[in-house]
Amino acid sequence: MPPAGLPSISRAGAAPISPARLEEALRRIGEDHRRVIVETYYRGCSVAEAAATLGIPAGTVKSRTFYALKALKLALQERGLAP
């Protein structure tokens, strides 16, 4: 689960996505993907730090981050919150 107090996300030329909506979209992606998003984007960890925290190789963090962002975008698009 993402940490409490998620910031809103601004999109160019659009209203920001509320923390509640972002958290809802994060719940719709897989646990492995959600964990790398939380570590790299919300906690600000480097790939190496996230890998150590999650107990996975750095290459796996990179791969999961790539696919997690795609899944998150799709979850937001399904709600009409992303182009």
N, C-alpha and C. Protein backbone atom coordinates (compact mmCIF):
# COMPACT_ATOMS: atom_id res chain seq x y z
N MET A 1 0.84 -1.17 0.00
CA MET A 1 0.00 0.00 0.00
C MET A 1 0.88 1.23 0.00
N PRO A 2 0.48 2.27 -0.75
CA PRO A 2 1.29 3.47 -0.79
C PRO A 2 1.28 4.18 0.56
N PRO A 3 2.31 4.97 0.81
CA PRO A 3 2.36 5.68 2.08
C PRO A 3 1.25 6.71 2.18
N ALA A 4 0.84 7.01 3.39
CA ALA A 4 -0.20 8.02 3.61
C ALA A 4 0.31 9.38 3.16
N GLY A 5 -0.62 10.24 2.82
CA GLY A 5 -0.26 11.59 2.45
C GLY A 5 0.33 11.72 1.06
N LEU A 6 -0.20 10.95 0.11
CA LEU A 6 0.30 11.05 -1.26
C LEU A 6 0.05 12.45 -1.80
N PRO A 7 1.01 13.01 -2.53
CA PRO A 7 0.79 14.32 -3.13
C PRO A 7 -0.12 14.19 -4.34
N SER A 8 -0.78 15.29 -4.71
CA SER A 8 -1.54 15.26 -5.95
C SER A 8 -0.54 15.33 -7.10
N ILE A 9 -0.96 14.84 -8.25
CA ILE A 9 -0.09 14.85 -9.42
C ILE A 9 -0.68 15.80 -10.45
N SER A 10 0.11 16.76 -10.88
CA SER A 10 -0.35 17.71 -11.88
C SER A 10 -0.03 17.19 -13.27
N ARG A 11 -0.94 17.46 -14.18
CA ARG A 11 -0.73 17.10 -15.57
C ARG A 11 -0.79 18.39 -16.37
N ALA A 12 0.03 18.51 -17.38
CA ALA A 12 0.07 19.72 -18.20
C ALA A 12 -1.32 20.03 -18.75
N GLY A 13 -1.81 21.21 -18.44
CA GLY A 13 -3.09 21.65 -18.98
C GLY A 13 -4.31 20.97 -18.39
N ALA A 14 -4.17 20.28 -17.29
CA ALA A 14 -5.31 19.57 -16.70
C ALA A 14 -5.27 19.73 -15.18
N ALA A 15 -6.41 19.44 -14.57
CA ALA A 15 -6.48 19.49 -13.12
C ALA A 15 -5.63 18.38 -12.52
N PRO A 16 -5.09 18.60 -11.34
CA PRO A 16 -4.27 17.55 -10.71
C PRO A 16 -5.11 16.33 -10.34
N ILE A 17 -4.46 15.19 -10.28
CA ILE A 17 -5.12 13.96 -9.84
C ILE A 17 -5.05 13.95 -8.33
N SER A 18 -6.17 13.75 -7.69
CA SER A 18 -6.20 13.77 -6.24
C SER A 18 -5.46 12.57 -5.66
N PRO A 19 -4.94 12.72 -4.44
CA PRO A 19 -4.26 11.59 -3.80
C PRO A 19 -5.16 10.36 -3.67
N ALA A 20 -6.44 10.56 -3.40
CA ALA A 20 -7.36 9.42 -3.26
C ALA A 20 -7.50 8.67 -4.58
N ARG A 21 -7.60 9.39 -5.68
CA ARG A 21 -7.72 8.73 -6.99
C ARG A 21 -6.43 8.04 -7.37
N LEU A 22 -5.32 8.66 -7.05
CA LEU A 22 -4.03 8.03 -7.35
C LEU A 22 -3.86 6.76 -6.53
N GLU A 23 -4.24 6.81 -5.26
CA GLU A 23 -4.15 5.62 -4.41
C GLU A 23 -5.05 4.51 -4.95
N GLU A 24 -6.23 4.87 -5.41
CA GLU A 24 -7.15 3.88 -5.99
C GLU A 24 -6.52 3.23 -7.22
N ALA A 25 -5.90 4.03 -8.07
CA ALA A 25 -5.25 3.48 -9.27
C ALA A 25 -4.07 2.59 -8.88
N LEU A 26 -3.31 2.98 -7.86
CA LEU A 26 -2.19 2.16 -7.40
C LEU A 26 -2.66 0.82 -6.87
N ARG A 27 -3.84 0.79 -6.25
CA ARG A 27 -4.37 -0.48 -5.74
C ARG A 27 -4.74 -1.43 -6.87
N ARG A 28 -4.96 -0.91 -8.06
CA ARG A 28 -5.37 -1.74 -9.18
C ARG A 28 -4.20 -2.40 -9.91
N ILE A 29 -2.99 -1.98 -9.61
CA ILE A 29 -1.84 -2.63 -10.24
C ILE A 29 -1.30 -3.69 -9.28
N GLY A 30 -0.50 -4.60 -9.79
CA GLY A 30 0.01 -5.70 -8.98
C GLY A 30 0.90 -5.24 -7.83
N GLU A 31 0.95 -6.05 -6.80
CA GLU A 31 1.73 -5.73 -5.60
C GLU A 31 3.20 -5.49 -5.92
N ASP A 32 3.82 -6.33 -6.74
CA ASP A 32 5.23 -6.15 -7.09
C ASP A 32 5.46 -4.80 -7.77
N HIS A 33 4.56 -4.44 -8.67
CA HIS A 33 4.68 -3.16 -9.37
C HIS A 33 4.44 -1.99 -8.43
N ARG A 34 3.44 -2.12 -7.59
CA ARG A 34 3.13 -1.06 -6.63
C ARG A 34 4.32 -0.80 -5.71
N ARG A 35 4.97 -1.85 -5.25
CA ARG A 35 6.09 -1.70 -4.33
C ARG A 35 7.26 -0.93 -4.96
N VAL A 36 7.56 -1.19 -6.24
CA VAL A 36 8.67 -0.45 -6.86
C VAL A 36 8.29 1.01 -7.07
N ILE A 37 7.04 1.28 -7.39
CA ILE A 37 6.59 2.68 -7.54
C ILE A 37 6.73 3.41 -6.22
N VAL A 38 6.30 2.78 -5.15
CA VAL A 38 6.39 3.40 -3.83
C VAL A 38 7.85 3.68 -3.47
N GLU A 39 8.71 2.71 -3.68
CA GLU A 39 10.12 2.89 -3.32
C GLU A 39 10.80 3.96 -4.18
N THR A 40 10.61 3.92 -5.49
CA THR A 40 11.35 4.81 -6.37
C THR A 40 10.74 6.20 -6.49
N TYR A 41 9.43 6.31 -6.49
CA TYR A 41 8.80 7.61 -6.69
C TYR A 41 8.38 8.28 -5.39
N TYR A 42 7.82 7.54 -4.46
CA TYR A 42 7.31 8.17 -3.24
C TYR A 42 8.34 8.26 -2.14
N ARG A 43 9.20 7.29 -2.06
CA ARG A 43 10.25 7.33 -1.04
C ARG A 43 11.54 7.90 -1.61
N GLY A 44 11.60 8.08 -2.92
CA GLY A 44 12.75 8.71 -3.55
C GLY A 44 14.01 7.86 -3.56
N CYS A 45 13.85 6.56 -3.47
CA CYS A 45 15.02 5.67 -3.47
C CYS A 45 15.61 5.54 -4.87
N SER A 46 16.91 5.37 -4.90
CA SER A 46 17.57 5.05 -6.16
C SER A 46 17.22 3.60 -6.52
N VAL A 47 17.59 3.21 -7.73
CA VAL A 47 17.36 1.83 -8.14
C VAL A 47 18.08 0.88 -7.20
N ALA A 48 19.33 1.19 -6.86
CA ALA A 48 20.11 0.33 -5.97
C ALA A 48 19.48 0.25 -4.58
N GLU A 49 19.01 1.38 -4.06
CA GLU A 49 18.37 1.39 -2.75
C GLU A 49 17.07 0.58 -2.76
N ALA A 50 16.27 0.78 -3.82
CA ALA A 50 15.01 0.03 -3.93
C ALA A 50 15.30 -1.47 -4.04
N ALA A 51 16.31 -1.82 -4.81
CA ALA A 51 16.68 -3.23 -4.96
C ALA A 51 17.05 -3.84 -3.61
N ALA A 52 17.82 -3.11 -2.82
CA ALA A 52 18.23 -3.62 -1.51
C ALA A 52 17.03 -3.74 -0.58
N THR A 53 16.17 -2.76 -0.58
CA THR A 53 14.97 -2.77 0.27
C THR A 53 14.04 -3.91 -0.10
N LEU A 54 13.84 -4.10 -1.40
CA LEU A 54 12.89 -5.10 -1.88
C LEU A 54 13.51 -6.49 -2.00
N GLY A 55 14.84 -6.57 -1.91
CA GLY A 55 15.51 -7.85 -2.01
C GLY A 55 15.47 -8.46 -3.40
N ILE A 56 15.56 -7.59 -4.41
CA ILE A 56 15.55 -8.03 -5.81
C ILE A 56 16.70 -7.36 -6.55
N PRO A 57 17.12 -7.90 -7.70
CA PRO A 57 18.19 -7.27 -8.47
C PRO A 57 17.79 -5.90 -9.01
N ALA A 58 18.79 -5.05 -9.23
CA ALA A 58 18.54 -3.70 -9.76
C ALA A 58 17.85 -3.76 -11.12
N GLY A 59 18.24 -4.71 -11.95
CA GLY A 59 17.59 -4.85 -13.26
C GLY A 59 16.11 -5.16 -13.13
N THR A 60 15.74 -5.90 -12.12
CA THR A 60 14.33 -6.22 -11.88
C THR A 60 13.58 -4.97 -11.43
N VAL A 61 14.22 -4.13 -10.63
CA VAL A 61 13.60 -2.86 -10.23
C VAL A 61 13.32 -2.01 -11.46
N LYS A 62 14.30 -1.92 -12.35
CA LYS A 62 14.12 -1.14 -13.57
C LYS A 62 12.98 -1.67 -14.42
N SER A 63 12.96 -2.97 -14.62
CA SER A 63 11.92 -3.60 -15.43
C SER A 63 10.54 -3.42 -14.81
N ARG A 64 10.45 -3.69 -13.51
CA ARG A 64 9.15 -3.55 -12.84
C ARG A 64 8.67 -2.10 -12.83
N THR A 65 9.60 -1.16 -12.71
CA THR A 65 9.22 0.25 -12.75
C THR A 65 8.65 0.61 -14.10
N PHE A 66 9.29 0.16 -15.15
CA PHE A 66 8.80 0.42 -16.51
C PHE A 66 7.37 -0.11 -16.68
N TYR A 67 7.16 -1.37 -16.32
CA TYR A 67 5.84 -1.98 -16.50
C TYR A 67 4.82 -1.45 -15.49
N ALA A 68 5.29 -1.06 -14.32
CA ALA A 68 4.39 -0.48 -13.31
C ALA A 68 3.84 0.86 -13.80
N LEU A 69 4.68 1.67 -14.40
CA LEU A 69 4.20 2.96 -14.92
C LEU A 69 3.20 2.77 -16.04
N LYS A 70 3.43 1.78 -16.88
CA LYS A 70 2.47 1.48 -17.95
C LYS A 70 1.13 1.03 -17.35
N ALA A 71 1.18 0.17 -16.34
CA ALA A 71 -0.03 -0.32 -15.69
C ALA A 71 -0.76 0.80 -14.96
N LEU A 72 -0.01 1.69 -14.32
CA LEU A 72 -0.61 2.81 -13.61
C LEU A 72 -1.28 3.76 -14.60
N LYS A 73 -0.63 4.02 -15.71
CA LYS A 73 -1.23 4.87 -16.73
C LYS A 73 -2.53 4.26 -17.24
N LEU A 74 -2.54 2.97 -17.49
CA LEU A 74 -3.75 2.30 -17.95
C LEU A 74 -4.86 2.39 -16.91
N ALA A 75 -4.52 2.20 -15.64
CA ALA A 75 -5.50 2.30 -14.57
C ALA A 75 -6.09 3.70 -14.51
N LEU A 76 -5.27 4.71 -14.72
CA LEU A 76 -5.75 6.09 -14.73
C LEU A 76 -6.58 6.38 -15.97
N GLN A 77 -6.18 5.84 -17.11
CA GLN A 77 -6.94 6.03 -18.34
C GLN A 77 -8.33 5.40 -18.23
N GLU A 78 -8.42 4.25 -17.59
CA GLU A 78 -9.71 3.59 -17.43
C GLU A 78 -10.68 4.44 -16.61
N ARG A 79 -10.17 5.34 -15.82
CA ARG A 79 -10.99 6.24 -15.02
C ARG A 79 -11.12 7.63 -15.65
N GLY A 80 -10.56 7.77 -16.84
CA GLY A 80 -10.63 9.06 -17.52
C GLY A 80 -9.72 10.12 -16.93
N LEU A 81 -8.67 9.69 -16.23
CA LEU A 81 -7.78 10.62 -15.56
C LEU A 81 -6.45 10.80 -16.26
N ALA A 82 -6.25 10.11 -17.36
CA ALA A 82 -5.01 10.25 -18.14
C ALA A 82 -5.37 10.15 -19.61
N PRO A 83 -4.61 10.87 -20.44
CA PRO A 83 -4.90 10.81 -21.89
C PRO A 83 -4.57 9.45 -22.49
